[in-house]
């Protein structure tokens, strides 16, 4: 489980990653030659700010991390 102190307040926040495989389909994602036939797979990173203490953490609702007003997608290939 990754942790961060990105807010600069000394409290340990939590980062989570979520994969999105909606374009994967069932077992037919590859053709008979092994070529990918579906859309791109995606993943997203969320920040859960610690609004409690390090000893007794409480986490705010997750915030989708973005860069240039777009979700950070570590699995995207362009």
C-alpha atoms as a PDB file:
ATOM      1  CA  UNK A   1       0.000   0.000   0.000  1.00  0.00           C
ATOM      2  CA  UNK A   2       1.701   3.252  -1.108  1.00  0.00           C
ATOM      3  CA  UNK A   3       1.788   6.175   1.261  1.00  0.00           C
ATOM      4  CA  UNK A   4       2.602   9.839   0.705  1.00  0.00           C
ATOM      5  CA  UNK A   5       2.825  13.072   2.655  1.00  0.00           C
ATOM      6  CA  UNK A   6       1.945  15.287  -0.300  1.00  0.00           C
ATOM      7  CA  UNK A   7      -0.091  17.837   1.626  1.00  0.00           C
ATOM      8  CA  UNK A   8       2.968  18.954   3.599  1.00  0.00           C
ATOM      9  CA  UNK A   9       1.077  18.694   6.877  1.00  0.00           C
ATOM     10  CA  UNK A  10       3.045  15.713   8.218  1.00  0.00           C
ATOM     11  CA  UNK A  11       0.048  13.385   8.029  1.00  0.00           C
ATOM     12  CA  UNK A  12       0.515  10.256   5.951  1.00  0.00           C
ATOM     13  CA  UNK A  13      -1.897  10.206   3.034  1.00  0.00           C
ATOM     14  CA  UNK A  14      -2.814   7.154   0.979  1.00  0.00           C
ATOM     15  CA  UNK A  15      -2.426   6.605  -2.773  1.00  0.00           C
ATOM     16  CA  UNK A  16      -4.399   3.893  -4.522  1.00  0.00           C
ATOM     17  CA  UNK A  17      -4.394   2.661  -8.079  1.00  0.00           C
ATOM     18  CA  UNK A  18      -7.416   1.333  -9.907  1.00  0.00           C
ATOM     19  CA  UNK A  19      -7.339  -0.521 -13.203  1.00  0.00           C
ATOM     20  CA  UNK A  20     -10.120  -0.149 -15.771  1.00  0.00           C
ATOM     21  CA  UNK A  21     -10.449  -3.159 -18.054  1.00  0.00           C
ATOM     22  CA  UNK A  22     -13.867  -2.353 -19.536  1.00  0.00           C
ATOM     23  CA  UNK A  23     -12.446  -2.561 -23.074  1.00  0.00           C
ATOM     24  CA  UNK A  24     -10.943  -5.993 -22.444  1.00  0.00           C
ATOM     25  CA  UNK A  25     -14.125  -7.861 -23.238  1.00  0.00           C
ATOM     26  CA  UNK A  26     -14.357 -11.555 -22.538  1.00  0.00           C
ATOM     27  CA  UNK A  27     -11.829 -14.066 -23.863  1.00  0.00           C
ATOM     28  CA  UNK A  28     -11.874 -12.654 -27.385  1.00  0.00           C
ATOM     29  CA  UNK A  29      -9.521  -9.698 -26.888  1.00  0.00           C
ATOM     30  CA  UNK A  30      -6.856 -11.196 -29.198  1.00  0.00           C
ATOM     31  CA  UNK A  31      -7.276 -12.466 -32.740  1.00  0.00           C
ATOM     32  CA  UNK A  32      -5.882 -15.795 -33.958  1.00  0.00           C
ATOM     33  CA  UNK A  33      -2.497 -14.114 -34.623  1.00  0.00           C
ATOM     34  CA  UNK A  34      -2.213 -12.755 -31.091  1.00  0.00           C
ATOM     35  CA  UNK A  35      -3.033  -9.129 -32.063  1.00  0.00           C
ATOM     36  CA  UNK A  36      -4.936  -7.019 -29.555  1.00  0.00           C
ATOM     37  CA  UNK A  37      -8.437  -6.346 -30.920  1.00  0.00           C
ATOM     38  CA  UNK A  38      -9.949  -4.207 -28.162  1.00  0.00           C
ATOM     39  CA  UNK A  39      -9.546  -0.661 -26.930  1.00  0.00           C
ATOM     40  CA  UNK A  40      -6.860   0.528 -24.521  1.00  0.00           C
ATOM     41  CA  UNK A  41      -6.738  -0.568 -20.912  1.00  0.00           C
ATOM     42  CA  UNK A  42      -6.527   2.210 -18.357  1.00  0.00           C
ATOM     43  CA  UNK A  43      -5.458   2.772 -14.777  1.00  0.00           C
ATOM     44  CA  UNK A  44      -6.004   5.721 -12.466  1.00  0.00           C
ATOM     45  CA  UNK A  45      -4.398   7.029  -9.288  1.00  0.00           C
ATOM     46  CA  UNK A  46      -6.373   8.378  -6.354  1.00  0.00           C
ATOM     47  CA  UNK A  47      -5.265  10.413  -3.353  1.00  0.00           C
ATOM     48  CA  UNK A  48      -6.970   9.805  -0.009  1.00  0.00           C
ATOM     49  CA  UNK A  49      -6.032  12.730   2.246  1.00  0.00           C
ATOM     50  CA  UNK A  50      -5.550  11.856   5.897  1.00  0.00           C
ATOM     51  CA  UNK A  51      -7.890  14.129   7.820  1.00  0.00           C
ATOM     52  CA  UNK A  52      -7.131  12.346  11.084  1.00  0.00           C
ATOM     53  CA  UNK A  53      -3.728  11.755  12.642  1.00  0.00           C
ATOM     54  CA  UNK A  54      -0.947   9.340  11.795  1.00  0.00           C
ATOM     55  CA  UNK A  55      -1.831   7.348  14.912  1.00  0.00           C
ATOM     56  CA  UNK A  56      -5.557   7.316  14.075  1.00  0.00           C
ATOM     57  CA  UNK A  57      -5.908   8.073  10.372  1.00  0.00           C
ATOM     58  CA  UNK A  58      -9.231   9.005   8.789  1.00  0.00           C
ATOM     59  CA  UNK A  59      -9.311   9.440   5.048  1.00  0.00           C
ATOM     60  CA  UNK A  60     -11.292  11.938   3.028  1.00  0.00           C
ATOM     61  CA  UNK A  61     -13.115  10.714  -0.074  1.00  0.00           C
ATOM     62  CA  UNK A  62     -10.685   9.868  -2.885  1.00  0.00           C
ATOM     63  CA  UNK A  63      -9.495  12.544  -5.303  1.00  0.00           C
ATOM     64  CA  UNK A  64      -8.599  11.502  -8.846  1.00  0.00           C
ATOM     65  CA  UNK A  65      -5.061  12.740  -9.534  1.00  0.00           C
ATOM     66  CA  UNK A  66      -4.733  14.846 -12.662  1.00  0.00           C
ATOM     67  CA  UNK A  67      -2.050  16.545 -14.742  1.00  0.00           C
ATOM     68  CA  UNK A  68      -2.866  19.183 -17.359  1.00  0.00           C
ATOM     69  CA  UNK A  69      -6.555  18.763 -16.395  1.00  0.00           C
ATOM     70  CA  UNK A  70      -6.530  15.097 -17.454  1.00  0.00           C
ATOM     71  CA  UNK A  71      -6.562  12.024 -15.211  1.00  0.00           C
ATOM     72  CA  UNK A  72      -3.123  10.527 -14.692  1.00  0.00           C
ATOM     73  CA  UNK A  73      -3.274   7.187 -16.533  1.00  0.00           C
ATOM     74  CA  UNK A  74      -0.034   5.240 -15.934  1.00  0.00           C
ATOM     75  CA  UNK A  75      -1.102   2.550 -18.388  1.00  0.00           C
ATOM     76  CA  UNK A  76      -1.894   4.870 -21.318  1.00  0.00           C
ATOM     77  CA  UNK A  77       0.186   4.469 -24.444  1.00  0.00           C
ATOM     78  CA  UNK A  78       0.022   7.138 -27.117  1.00  0.00           C
END
